Amino acid sequence: MVTQTKSVYGRAFAYGVLGAFIMTVLLVLMRWSGLTQFNISMFLGSMLTLEFNPSTWVAGFIWHLLNGGIFGLIYAAIFKGIGSASSGRGTMLGFVHWLVFSAVLAFSADIHPLIPSELPEPGFFAINYGAITAVGTLALHLVFGYVIGNSLEGVIARNRKIKRSYTRKSYA
């Protein structure tokens, strides 16, 4: 039973990192295509380094990947709690995750030392970077939720079956 739990959380962390990687790549593509100027890796990294250079981006990228892993664990705990996972449930959690992300961005001026002197304040939904950024961050979080929900669907289902087999009593 412990091995099954480790399997769920190990996969959840790994797929959370994968989801964050996908989000970062898509956000880079949005920047390259001129749809947004929002750069989550620089945003996070500059909180640590207080400057803007390639190592700042790398630090922020690693931080974002670790955040993805942590959110993957949170998603897994929720899925285990409700007893199932699916791409649809993951997408719904991605929406909630986006709301939390947006609330944190709304107050980022209070925690980021370079706002507003060097970075613009993102605002709620990152709306200060434009409406496309707000919609784009929503889409990215929905993709993240989809990846986690889809990847954990079979693992959570197997764990539920194993748990039931341990709880059934045979009187034969």
Protein backbone atom coordinates (compact mmCIF):
# COMPACT_ATOMS: atom_id res chain seq x y z
CA MET A 1 0.00 0.00 0.00
CA VAL A 2 2.86 2.37 0.82
CA THR A 3 4.51 1.58 -2.52
CA GLN A 4 1.30 2.47 -4.34
CA THR A 5 1.11 5.82 -2.53
CA LYS A 6 4.75 6.54 -3.39
CA SER A 7 3.99 5.68 -6.99
CA VAL A 8 1.12 8.18 -7.12
CA TYR A 9 3.07 11.01 -5.54
CA GLY A 10 6.28 10.28 -7.43
CA ARG A 11 4.39 10.36 -10.72
CA ALA A 12 2.45 13.44 -9.63
CA PHE A 13 5.67 15.33 -8.93
CA ALA A 14 7.23 14.22 -12.21
CA TYR A 15 4.15 15.09 -14.25
CA GLY A 16 3.87 18.40 -12.40
CA VAL A 17 7.41 19.22 -13.50
CA LEU A 18 6.48 18.16 -17.04
CA GLY A 19 3.36 20.32 -16.93
CA ALA A 20 5.38 23.34 -15.76
CA PHE A 21 7.92 22.68 -18.52
CA ILE A 22 5.13 22.62 -21.13
CA MET A 23 3.70 25.84 -19.68
CA THR A 24 7.10 27.54 -19.88
CA VAL A 25 7.67 26.44 -23.48
CA LEU A 26 4.22 27.68 -24.52
CA LEU A 27 4.76 30.98 -22.72
CA VAL A 28 8.10 31.40 -24.51
CA LEU A 29 6.32 30.77 -27.82
CA MET A 30 3.72 33.39 -26.88
CA ARG A 31 6.52 35.88 -26.20
CA TRP A 32 8.34 35.05 -29.43
CA SER A 33 5.14 35.52 -31.41
CA GLY A 34 4.56 38.91 -29.78
CA LEU A 35 1.42 37.90 -27.89
CA THR A 36 2.81 38.79 -24.45
CA GLN A 37 5.81 40.21 -22.66
CA PHE A 38 5.16 38.17 -19.50
CA ASN A 39 8.13 35.97 -18.62
CA ILE A 40 7.44 33.73 -15.62
CA SER A 41 11.05 32.52 -15.43
CA MET A 42 12.47 36.05 -15.29
CA PHE A 43 9.68 37.12 -12.96
CA LEU A 44 10.49 34.36 -10.45
CA GLY A 45 14.26 34.42 -10.94
CA SER A 46 14.54 38.16 -10.45
CA MET A 47 12.94 37.74 -7.04
CA LEU A 48 16.02 35.73 -6.10
CA THR A 49 18.81 37.50 -7.97
CA LEU A 50 17.46 41.08 -8.08
CA GLU A 51 18.78 41.40 -11.63
CA PHE A 52 18.06 40.34 -15.22
CA ASN A 53 20.53 38.02 -16.93
CA PRO A 54 20.62 34.43 -18.21
CA SER A 55 21.27 32.98 -14.75
CA THR A 56 18.19 34.84 -13.51
CA TRP A 57 16.12 33.07 -16.15
CA VAL A 58 17.62 29.68 -15.23
CA ALA A 59 16.92 30.24 -11.52
CA GLY A 60 13.33 31.22 -12.29
CA PHE A 61 12.91 28.27 -14.66
CA ILE A 62 14.07 25.83 -11.98
CA TRP A 63 11.79 27.51 -9.42
CA HIS A 64 8.86 27.21 -11.83
CA LEU A 65 9.59 23.51 -12.43
CA LEU A 66 9.72 22.88 -8.67
CA ASN A 67 6.43 24.77 -8.26
CA GLY A 68 4.97 22.51 -10.94
CA GLY A 69 6.09 19.44 -9.01
CA ILE A 70 4.60 20.78 -5.79
CA PHE A 71 1.30 21.58 -7.50
CA GLY A 72 1.38 18.09 -9.02
CA LEU A 73 1.51 16.72 -5.46
CA ILE A 74 -1.41 18.94 -4.43
CA TYR A 75 -3.46 17.75 -7.41
CA ALA A 76 -2.63 14.11 -6.54
CA ALA A 77 -3.75 14.59 -2.93
CA ILE A 78 -7.04 16.05 -4.15
CA PHE A 79 -7.52 13.22 -6.65
CA LYS A 80 -6.76 10.61 -3.99
CA GLY A 81 -9.18 12.34 -1.65
CA ILE A 82 -12.04 12.20 -4.14
CA GLY A 83 -11.02 8.74 -5.32
CA SER A 84 -10.48 9.40 -9.02
CA ALA A 85 -8.56 11.48 -11.51
CA SER A 86 -9.35 12.39 -15.09
CA SER A 87 -8.34 14.93 -17.68
CA GLY A 88 -11.63 16.77 -17.05
CA ARG A 89 -11.11 16.94 -13.30
CA GLY A 90 -7.51 18.01 -13.87
CA THR A 91 -8.66 20.77 -16.19
CA MET A 92 -11.14 21.97 -13.55
CA LEU A 93 -8.36 22.00 -10.95
CA GLY A 94 -6.25 23.91 -13.49
CA PHE A 95 -8.92 26.61 -13.49
CA VAL A 96 -8.82 26.85 -9.68
CA HIS A 97 -5.02 26.84 -9.86
CA TRP A 98 -5.20 29.78 -12.31
CA LEU A 99 -7.42 31.72 -9.88
CA VAL A 100 -4.88 31.17 -7.10
CA PHE A 101 -2.03 32.16 -9.45
CA SER A 102 -3.95 35.29 -10.42
CA ALA A 103 -4.53 36.28 -6.81
CA VAL A 104 -0.81 35.89 -6.06
CA LEU A 105 0.04 38.04 -9.10
CA ALA A 106 -2.39 40.70 -7.90
CA PHE A 107 -0.35 41.08 -4.71
CA SER A 108 3.07 40.48 -6.24
CA ALA A 109 4.09 44.12 -5.77
CA ASP A 110 4.06 43.42 -2.04
CA ILE A 111 6.50 40.49 -2.36
CA HIS A 112 8.61 41.18 -5.46
CA PRO A 113 11.39 43.68 -4.71
CA LEU A 114 11.68 44.88 -8.35
CA ILE A 115 8.03 45.91 -8.80
CA PRO A 116 7.35 48.64 -9.89
CA SER A 117 10.89 50.03 -10.24
CA GLU A 118 12.09 47.51 -12.85
CA LEU A 119 9.10 45.28 -13.63
CA PRO A 120 5.51 46.27 -14.31
CA GLU A 121 2.98 45.11 -11.77
CA PRO A 122 1.13 42.20 -13.41
CA GLY A 123 -2.20 42.78 -11.70
CA PHE A 124 -4.98 40.25 -11.25
CA PHE A 125 -5.00 37.67 -14.10
CA ALA A 126 -1.75 39.36 -15.32
CA ILE A 127 -4.10 41.78 -17.05
CA ASN A 128 -1.52 44.58 -17.04
CA TYR A 129 0.39 42.54 -19.62
CA GLY A 130 -2.71 42.54 -21.84
CA ALA A 131 -5.90 40.54 -22.25
CA ILE A 132 -4.13 37.91 -24.34
CA THR A 133 -1.75 37.28 -21.44
CA ALA A 134 -4.69 36.80 -19.07
CA VAL A 135 -6.36 34.34 -21.45
CA GLY A 136 -3.00 32.71 -22.20
CA THR A 137 -2.21 32.08 -18.54
CA LEU A 138 -5.67 30.56 -18.16
CA ALA A 139 -5.03 28.26 -21.12
CA LEU A 140 -1.61 27.30 -19.72
CA HIS A 141 -3.08 26.35 -16.35
CA LEU A 142 -5.84 24.34 -18.04
CA VAL A 143 -3.14 22.46 -19.99
CA PHE A 144 -1.24 21.86 -16.75
CA GLY A 145 -4.36 20.44 -15.08
CA TYR A 146 -5.12 18.29 -18.10
CA VAL A 147 -1.59 16.82 -18.06
CA ILE A 148 -1.78 15.96 -14.35
CA GLY A 149 -5.34 14.61 -14.45
CA ASN A 150 -4.76 12.54 -17.55
CA SER A 151 -1.46 11.09 -16.33
CA LEU A 152 -2.77 10.13 -12.88
CA GLU A 153 -6.11 8.70 -14.03
CA GLY A 154 -4.93 5.08 -14.29
CA VAL A 155 -2.71 5.23 -11.20
CA ILE A 156 -5.50 6.57 -8.97
CA ALA A 157 -7.94 3.99 -10.39
CA ARG A 158 -5.50 1.12 -9.70
CA ASN A 159 -4.91 2.37 -6.16
CA ARG A 160 -8.65 2.51 -5.56
CA LYS A 161 -9.01 -1.12 -6.70
CA ILE A 162 -6.10 -2.23 -4.51
CA LYS A 163 -7.53 -0.38 -1.52
CA ARG A 164 -10.91 -2.06 -2.02
CA SER A 165 -9.30 -5.49 -2.17
CA TYR A 166 -7.62 -4.85 1.22
CA THR A 167 -10.88 -3.70 2.82
CA ARG A 168 -13.07 -6.60 1.64
CA LYS A 169 -13.49 -9.37 4.14
CA SER A 170 -13.98 -12.93 3.07
CA TYR A 171 -16.13 -15.12 5.27
CA ALA A 172 -15.98 -18.23 3.09
